[in-house]
Amino acid sequence: MSKTSWPEVVGWPATQAVTQINADRPDVAIEVIPNGTTVGPGYNAERVRVFFAAGIVATGLVVSTPAVG
């Protein structure tokens, strides 16, 4: 069964998280998005969204569990 979420990357730099997700699931498209950005609704089994800290405290660290969808 393919991996569908990556709780272990929360707190990692977004670039490292993308590398890990791509290694586990090269078949999905990865979107890297600043936290708080409005995104369109809808489930996509071929997408993973990685939300990272941006704004006043722009650390670039992943702030929530990336998951397929």
PDB file of N, CA and C in Angstrom:
ATOM      1  N   MET A   1       0.842  -1.190   0.000  1.00  0.00           N
ATOM      2  CA  MET A   1       0.000   0.000   0.000  1.00  0.00           C
ATOM      3  C   MET A   1       0.879   1.242   0.000  1.00  0.00           C
ATOM      4  N   SER A   2       0.521   2.214  -0.788  1.00  0.00           N
ATOM      5  CA  SER A   2       1.287   3.457  -0.900  1.00  0.00           C
ATOM      6  C   SER A   2       1.047   4.351   0.305  1.00  0.00           C
ATOM      7  N   LYS A   3       2.068   5.076   0.667  1.00  0.00           N
ATOM      8  CA  LYS A   3       1.971   6.023   1.777  1.00  0.00           C
ATOM      9  C   LYS A   3       1.054   7.172   1.381  1.00  0.00           C
ATOM     10  N   THR A   4       0.234   7.656   2.341  1.00  0.00           N
ATOM     11  CA  THR A   4      -0.717   8.721   2.037  1.00  0.00           C
ATOM     12  C   THR A   4      -0.564   9.957   2.917  1.00  0.00           C
ATOM     13  N   SER A   5       0.255   9.894   3.970  1.00  0.00           N
ATOM     14  CA  SER A   5       0.494  11.077   4.797  1.00  0.00           C
ATOM     15  C   SER A   5       1.898  11.008   5.389  1.00  0.00           C
ATOM     16  N   TRP A   6       2.410  12.171   5.773  1.00  0.00           N
ATOM     17  CA  TRP A   6       3.788  12.298   6.239  1.00  0.00           C
ATOM     18  C   TRP A   6       3.855  13.122   7.524  1.00  0.00           C
ATOM     19  N   PRO A   7       3.341  12.611   8.644  1.00  0.00           N
ATOM     20  CA  PRO A   7       3.383  13.374   9.897  1.00  0.00           C
ATOM     21  C   PRO A   7       4.810  13.628  10.381  1.00  0.00           C
ATOM     22  N   GLU A   8       5.722  12.789   9.987  1.00  0.00           N
ATOM     23  CA  GLU A   8       7.108  12.931  10.443  1.00  0.00           C
ATOM     24  C   GLU A   8       7.809  14.168   9.900  1.00  0.00           C
ATOM     25  N   VAL A   9       7.280  14.792   8.836  1.00  0.00           N
ATOM     26  CA  VAL A   9       7.956  15.955   8.265  1.00  0.00           C
ATOM     27  C   VAL A   9       7.498  17.281   8.857  1.00  0.00           C
ATOM     28  N   VAL A  10       6.508  17.265   9.752  1.00  0.00           N
ATOM     29  CA  VAL A  10       6.088  18.499  10.413  1.00  0.00           C
ATOM     30  C   VAL A  10       7.279  19.031  11.209  1.00  0.00           C
ATOM     31  N   GLY A  11       7.605  20.304  10.984  1.00  0.00           N
ATOM     32  CA  GLY A  11       8.756  20.922  11.632  1.00  0.00           C
ATOM     33  C   GLY A  11      10.017  20.882  10.787  1.00  0.00           C
ATOM     34  N   TRP A  12       9.997  20.131   9.698  1.00  0.00           N
ATOM     35  CA  TRP A  12      11.139  20.070   8.774  1.00  0.00           C
ATOM     36  C   TRP A  12      11.092  21.275   7.836  1.00  0.00           C
ATOM     37  N   PRO A  13      12.252  21.661   7.278  1.00  0.00           N
ATOM     38  CA  PRO A  13      12.235  22.633   6.177  1.00  0.00           C
ATOM     39  C   PRO A  13      11.420  22.061   5.010  1.00  0.00           C
ATOM     40  N   ALA A  14      10.656  22.908   4.343  1.00  0.00           N
ATOM     41  CA  ALA A  14       9.783  22.451   3.258  1.00  0.00           C
ATOM     42  C   ALA A  14      10.557  21.708   2.173  1.00  0.00           C
ATOM     43  N   THR A  15      11.769  22.152   1.862  1.00  0.00           N
ATOM     44  CA  THR A  15      12.541  21.489   0.802  1.00  0.00           C
ATOM     45  C   THR A  15      12.877  20.051   1.176  1.00  0.00           C
ATOM     46  N   GLN A  16      13.208  19.815   2.438  1.00  0.00           N
ATOM     47  CA  GLN A  16      13.493  18.447   2.886  1.00  0.00           C
ATOM     48  C   GLN A  16      12.233  17.590   2.868  1.00  0.00           C
ATOM     49  N   ALA A  17      11.114  18.190   3.250  1.00  0.00           N
ATOM     50  CA  ALA A  17       9.848  17.462   3.237  1.00  0.00           C
ATOM     51  C   ALA A  17       9.487  17.022   1.821  1.00  0.00           C
ATOM     52  N   VAL A  18       9.669  17.925   0.864  1.00  0.00           N
ATOM     53  CA  VAL A  18       9.369  17.600  -0.532  1.00  0.00           C
ATOM     54  C   VAL A  18      10.257  16.450  -1.004  1.00  0.00           C
ATOM     55  N   THR A  19      11.524  16.486  -0.642  1.00  0.00           N
ATOM     56  CA  THR A  19      12.446  15.416  -1.032  1.00  0.00           C
ATOM     57  C   THR A  19      11.978  14.072  -0.482  1.00  0.00           C
ATOM     58  N   GLN A  20      11.551  14.049   0.794  1.00  0.00           N
ATOM     59  CA  GLN A  20      11.087  12.808   1.414  1.00  0.00           C
ATOM     60  C   GLN A  20       9.805  12.301   0.765  1.00  0.00           C
ATOM     61  N   ILE A  21       8.853  13.202   0.554  1.00  0.00           N
ATOM     62  CA  ILE A  21       7.581  12.804  -0.054  1.00  0.00           C
ATOM     63  C   ILE A  21       7.816  12.280  -1.465  1.00  0.00           C
ATOM     64  N   ASN A  22       8.670  12.953  -2.214  1.00  0.00           N
ATOM     65  CA  ASN A  22       8.979  12.517  -3.572  1.00  0.00           C
ATOM     66  C   ASN A  22       9.654  11.144  -3.577  1.00  0.00           C
ATOM     67  N   ALA A  23      10.492  10.882  -2.597  1.00  0.00           N
ATOM     68  CA  ALA A  23      11.151   9.575  -2.508  1.00  0.00           C
ATOM     69  C   ALA A  23      10.128   8.474  -2.219  1.00  0.00           C
ATOM     70  N   ASP A  24       9.149   8.791  -1.354  1.00  0.00           N
ATOM     71  CA  ASP A  24       8.121   7.808  -1.000  1.00  0.00           C
ATOM     72  C   ASP A  24       7.063   7.639  -2.080  1.00  0.00           C
ATOM     73  N   ARG A  25       6.714   8.741  -2.745  1.00  0.00           N
ATOM     74  CA  ARG A  25       5.625   8.724  -3.726  1.00  0.00           C
ATOM     75  C   ARG A  25       5.985   9.565  -4.947  1.00  0.00           C
ATOM     76  N   PRO A  26       6.844   9.054  -5.819  1.00  0.00           N
ATOM     77  CA  PRO A  26       7.215   9.822  -7.010  1.00  0.00           C
ATOM     78  C   PRO A  26       6.056  10.016  -7.989  1.00  0.00           C
ATOM     79  N   ASP A  27       4.940   9.340  -7.743  1.00  0.00           N
ATOM     80  CA  ASP A  27       3.783   9.413  -8.635  1.00  0.00           C
ATOM     81  C   ASP A  27       2.853  10.585  -8.337  1.00  0.00           C
ATOM     82  N   VAL A  28       3.089  11.345  -7.261  1.00  0.00           N
ATOM     83  CA  VAL A  28       2.198  12.456  -6.932  1.00  0.00           C
ATOM     84  C   VAL A  28       2.858  13.799  -7.220  1.00  0.00           C
ATOM     85  N   ALA A  29       2.026  14.794  -7.519  1.00  0.00           N
ATOM     86  CA  ALA A  29       2.496  16.170  -7.681  1.00  0.00           C
ATOM     87  C   ALA A  29       2.504  16.807  -6.296  1.00  0.00           C
ATOM     88  N   ILE A  30       3.559  17.533  -5.981  1.00  0.00           N
ATOM     89  CA  ILE A  30       3.681  18.163  -4.673  1.00  0.00           C
ATOM     90  C   ILE A  30       3.562  19.672  -4.837  1.00  0.00           C
ATOM     91  N   GLU A  31       2.611  20.260  -4.104  1.00  0.00           N
ATOM     92  CA  GLU A  31       2.418  21.706  -4.106  1.00  0.00           C
ATOM     93  C   GLU A  31       2.956  22.245  -2.787  1.00  0.00           C
ATOM     94  N   VAL A  32       3.844  23.235  -2.852  1.00  0.00           N
ATOM     95  CA  VAL A  32       4.396  23.862  -1.659  1.00  0.00           C
ATOM     96  C   VAL A  32       3.728  25.224  -1.517  1.00  0.00           C
ATOM     97  N   ILE A  33       3.004  25.414  -0.399  1.00  0.00           N
ATOM     98  CA  ILE A  33       2.109  26.554  -0.259  1.00  0.00           C
ATOM     99  C   ILE A  33       2.344  27.250   1.085  1.00  0.00           C
ATOM    100  N   PRO A  34       2.442  28.585   1.083  1.00  0.00           N
ATOM    101  CA  PRO A  34       2.553  29.307   2.356  1.00  0.00           C
ATOM    102  C   PRO A  34       1.306  29.072   3.213  1.00  0.00           C
ATOM    103  N   ASN A  35       1.503  28.824   4.504  1.00  0.00           N
ATOM    104  CA  ASN A  35       0.386  28.613   5.411  1.00  0.00           C
ATOM    105  C   ASN A  35      -0.529  29.838   5.398  1.00  0.00           C
ATOM    106  N   GLY A  36      -1.826  29.585   5.379  1.00  0.00           N
ATOM    107  CA  GLY A  36      -2.799  30.666   5.355  1.00  0.00           C
ATOM    108  C   GLY A  36      -3.286  31.026   3.964  1.00  0.00           C
ATOM    109  N   THR A  37      -2.655  30.468   2.950  1.00  0.00           N
ATOM    110  CA  THR A  37      -3.073  30.710   1.570  1.00  0.00           C
ATOM    111  C   THR A  37      -4.364  29.958   1.297  1.00  0.00           C
ATOM    112  N   THR A  38      -5.297  30.617   0.634  1.00  0.00           N
ATOM    113  CA  THR A  38      -6.543  29.967   0.249  1.00  0.00           C
ATOM    114  C   THR A  38      -6.275  29.049  -0.943  1.00  0.00           C
ATOM    115  N   VAL A  39      -6.717  27.823  -0.828  1.00  0.00           N
ATOM    116  CA  VAL A  39      -6.558  26.860  -1.917  1.00  0.00           C
ATOM    117  C   VAL A  39      -7.930  26.359  -2.333  1.00  0.00           C
ATOM    118  N   GLY A  40      -8.023  25.948  -3.571  1.00  0.00           N
ATOM    119  CA  GLY A  40      -9.283  25.440  -4.082  1.00  0.00           C
ATOM    120  C   GLY A  40      -9.671  24.136  -3.417  1.00  0.00           C
ATOM    121  N   PRO A  41     -10.956  23.895  -3.271  1.00  0.00           N
ATOM    122  CA  PRO A  41     -11.424  22.650  -2.664  1.00  0.00           C
ATOM    123  C   PRO A  41     -11.291  21.488  -3.635  1.00  0.00           C
ATOM    124  N   GLY A  42     -11.487  20.331  -3.123  1.00  0.00           N
ATOM    125  CA  GLY A  42     -11.502  19.144  -3.973  1.00  0.00           C
ATOM    126  C   GLY A  42     -10.375  18.196  -3.660  1.00  0.00           C
ATOM    127  N   TYR A  43     -10.686  16.928  -3.752  1.00  0.00           N
ATOM    128  CA  TYR A  43      -9.727  15.857  -3.503  1.00  0.00           C
ATOM    129  C   TYR A  43      -9.045  15.487  -4.803  1.00  0.00           C
ATOM    130  N   ASN A  44      -7.732  15.292  -4.747  1.00  0.00           N
ATOM    131  CA  ASN A  44      -6.964  14.851  -5.911  1.00  0.00           C
ATOM    132  C   ASN A  44      -5.999  13.779  -5.432  1.00  0.00           C
ATOM    133  N   ALA A  45      -6.220  12.547  -5.842  1.00  0.00           N
ATOM    134  CA  ALA A  45      -5.410  11.414  -5.400  1.00  0.00           C
ATOM    135  C   ALA A  45      -3.979  11.476  -5.925  1.00  0.00           C
ATOM    136  N   GLU A  46      -3.696  12.432  -6.798  1.00  0.00           N
ATOM    137  CA  GLU A  46      -2.352  12.565  -7.363  1.00  0.00           C
ATOM    138  C   GLU A  46      -1.669  13.849  -6.896  1.00  0.00           C
ATOM    139  N   ARG A  47      -2.096  14.375  -5.721  1.00  0.00           N
ATOM    140  CA  ARG A  47      -1.543  15.635  -5.218  1.00  0.00           C
ATOM    141  C   ARG A  47      -1.267  15.536  -3.724  1.00  0.00           C
ATOM    142  N   VAL A  48      -0.164  16.173  -3.312  1.00  0.00           N
ATOM    143  CA  VAL A  48       0.140  16.384  -1.896  1.00  0.00           C
ATOM    144  C   VAL A  48       0.440  17.862  -1.728  1.00  0.00           C
ATOM    145  N   ARG A  49      -0.208  18.486  -0.755  1.00  0.00           N
ATOM    146  CA  ARG A  49       0.062  19.894  -0.452  1.00  0.00           C
ATOM    147  C   ARG A  49       0.916  19.976   0.806  1.00  0.00           C
ATOM    148  N   VAL A  50       1.991  20.757   0.707  1.00  0.00           N
ATOM    149  CA  VAL A  50       2.889  20.981   1.836  1.00  0.00           C
ATOM    150  C   VAL A  50       2.742  22.447   2.239  1.00  0.00           C
ATOM    151  N   PHE A  51       2.205  22.681   3.438  1.00  0.00           N
ATOM    152  CA  PHE A  51       2.035  24.041   3.934  1.00  0.00           C
ATOM    153  C   PHE A  51       3.205  24.392   4.849  1.00  0.00           C
ATOM    154  N   PHE A  52       3.824  25.545   4.587  1.00  0.00           N
ATOM    155  CA  PHE A  52       4.985  25.951   5.373  1.00  0.00           C
ATOM    156  C   PHE A  52       4.754  27.314   6.018  1.00  0.00           C
ATOM    157  N   ALA A  53       5.499  27.575   7.091  1.00  0.00           N
ATOM    158  CA  ALA A  53       5.383  28.838   7.822  1.00  0.00           C
ATOM    159  C   ALA A  53       5.892  29.976   6.955  1.00  0.00           C
ATOM    160  N   ALA A  54       5.051  30.985   6.811  1.00  0.00           N
ATOM    161  CA  ALA A  54       5.406  32.173   6.032  1.00  0.00           C
ATOM    162  C   ALA A  54       4.843  33.387   6.759  1.00  0.00           C
ATOM    163  N   GLY A  55       5.117  34.550   6.252  1.00  0.00           N
ATOM    164  CA  GLY A  55       4.587  35.765   6.866  1.00  0.00           C
ATOM    165  C   GLY A  55       5.578  36.370   7.837  1.00  0.00           C
ATOM    166  N   ILE A  56       5.071  36.871   8.946  1.00  0.00           N
ATOM    167  CA  ILE A  56       5.919  37.563   9.926  1.00  0.00           C
ATOM    168  C   ILE A  56       6.997  36.630  10.476  1.00  0.00           C
ATOM    169  N   VAL A  57       6.615  35.413  10.793  1.00  0.00           N
ATOM    170  CA  VAL A  57       7.579  34.426  11.293  1.00  0.00           C
ATOM    171  C   VAL A  57       7.812  33.416  10.170  1.00  0.00           C
ATOM    172  N   ALA A  58       8.536  33.820   9.163  1.00  0.00           N
ATOM    173  CA  ALA A  58       8.750  32.992   7.977  1.00  0.00           C
ATOM    174  C   ALA A  58       9.931  32.051   8.197  1.00  0.00           C
ATOM    175  N   THR A  59       9.647  30.895   8.770  1.00  0.00           N
ATOM    176  CA  THR A  59      10.710  29.926   9.046  1.00  0.00           C
ATOM    177  C   THR A  59      10.917  28.964   7.891  1.00  0.00           C
ATOM    178  N   GLY A  60       9.883  28.799   7.057  1.00  0.00           N
ATOM    179  CA  GLY A  60       9.972  27.841   5.965  1.00  0.00           C
ATOM    180  C   GLY A  60       9.763  26.414   6.425  1.00  0.00           C
ATOM    181  N   LEU A  61       9.343  26.235   7.691  1.00  0.00           N
ATOM    182  CA  LEU A  61       9.135  24.894   8.220  1.00  0.00           C
ATOM    183  C   LEU A  61       7.709  24.425   7.959  1.00  0.00           C
ATOM    184  N   VAL A  62       7.555  23.127   7.741  1.00  0.00           N
ATOM    185  CA  VAL A  62       6.245  22.529   7.503  1.00  0.00           C
ATOM    186  C   VAL A  62       5.414  22.660   8.780  1.00  0.00           C
ATOM    187  N   VAL A  63       4.163  23.141   8.639  1.00  0.00           N
ATOM    188  CA  VAL A  63       3.324  23.425   9.798  1.00  0.00           C
ATOM    189  C   VAL A  63       2.152  22.452  10.003  1.00  0.00           C
ATOM    190  N   SER A  64       1.883  21.619   9.018  1.00  0.00           N
ATOM    191  CA  SER A  64       0.808  20.622   9.176  1.00  0.00           C
ATOM    192  C   SER A  64       1.183  19.383   8.385  1.00  0.00           C
ATOM    193  N   THR A  65       0.529  18.299   8.718  1.00  0.00           N
ATOM    194  CA  THR A  65       0.843  17.010   8.087  1.00  0.00           C
ATOM    195  C   THR A  65       0.467  17.008   6.607  1.00  0.00           C
ATOM    196  N   PRO A  66       1.444  16.868   5.720  1.00  0.00           N
ATOM    197  CA  PRO A  66       1.110  16.727   4.298  1.00  0.00           C
ATOM    198  C   PRO A  66       0.395  15.390   4.057  1.00  0.00           C
ATOM    199  N   ALA A  67      -0.596  15.418   3.191  1.00  0.00           N
ATOM    200  CA  ALA A  67      -1.345  14.201   2.882  1.00  0.00           C
ATOM    201  C   ALA A  67      -1.822  14.237   1.442  1.00  0.00           C
ATOM    202  N   VAL A  68      -2.020  13.050   0.892  1.00  0.00           N
ATOM    203  CA  VAL A  68      -2.576  12.947  -0.457  1.00  0.00           C
ATOM    204  C   VAL A  68      -3.964  13.557  -0.422  1.00  0.00           C
ATOM    205  N   GLY A  69      -4.293  14.281  -1.451  1.00  0.00           N
ATOM    206  CA  GLY A  69      -5.622  14.884  -1.530  1.00  0.00           C
ATOM    207  C   GLY A  69      -5.555  16.203  -2.154  1.00  0.00           C
TER     208      GLY A  69
END
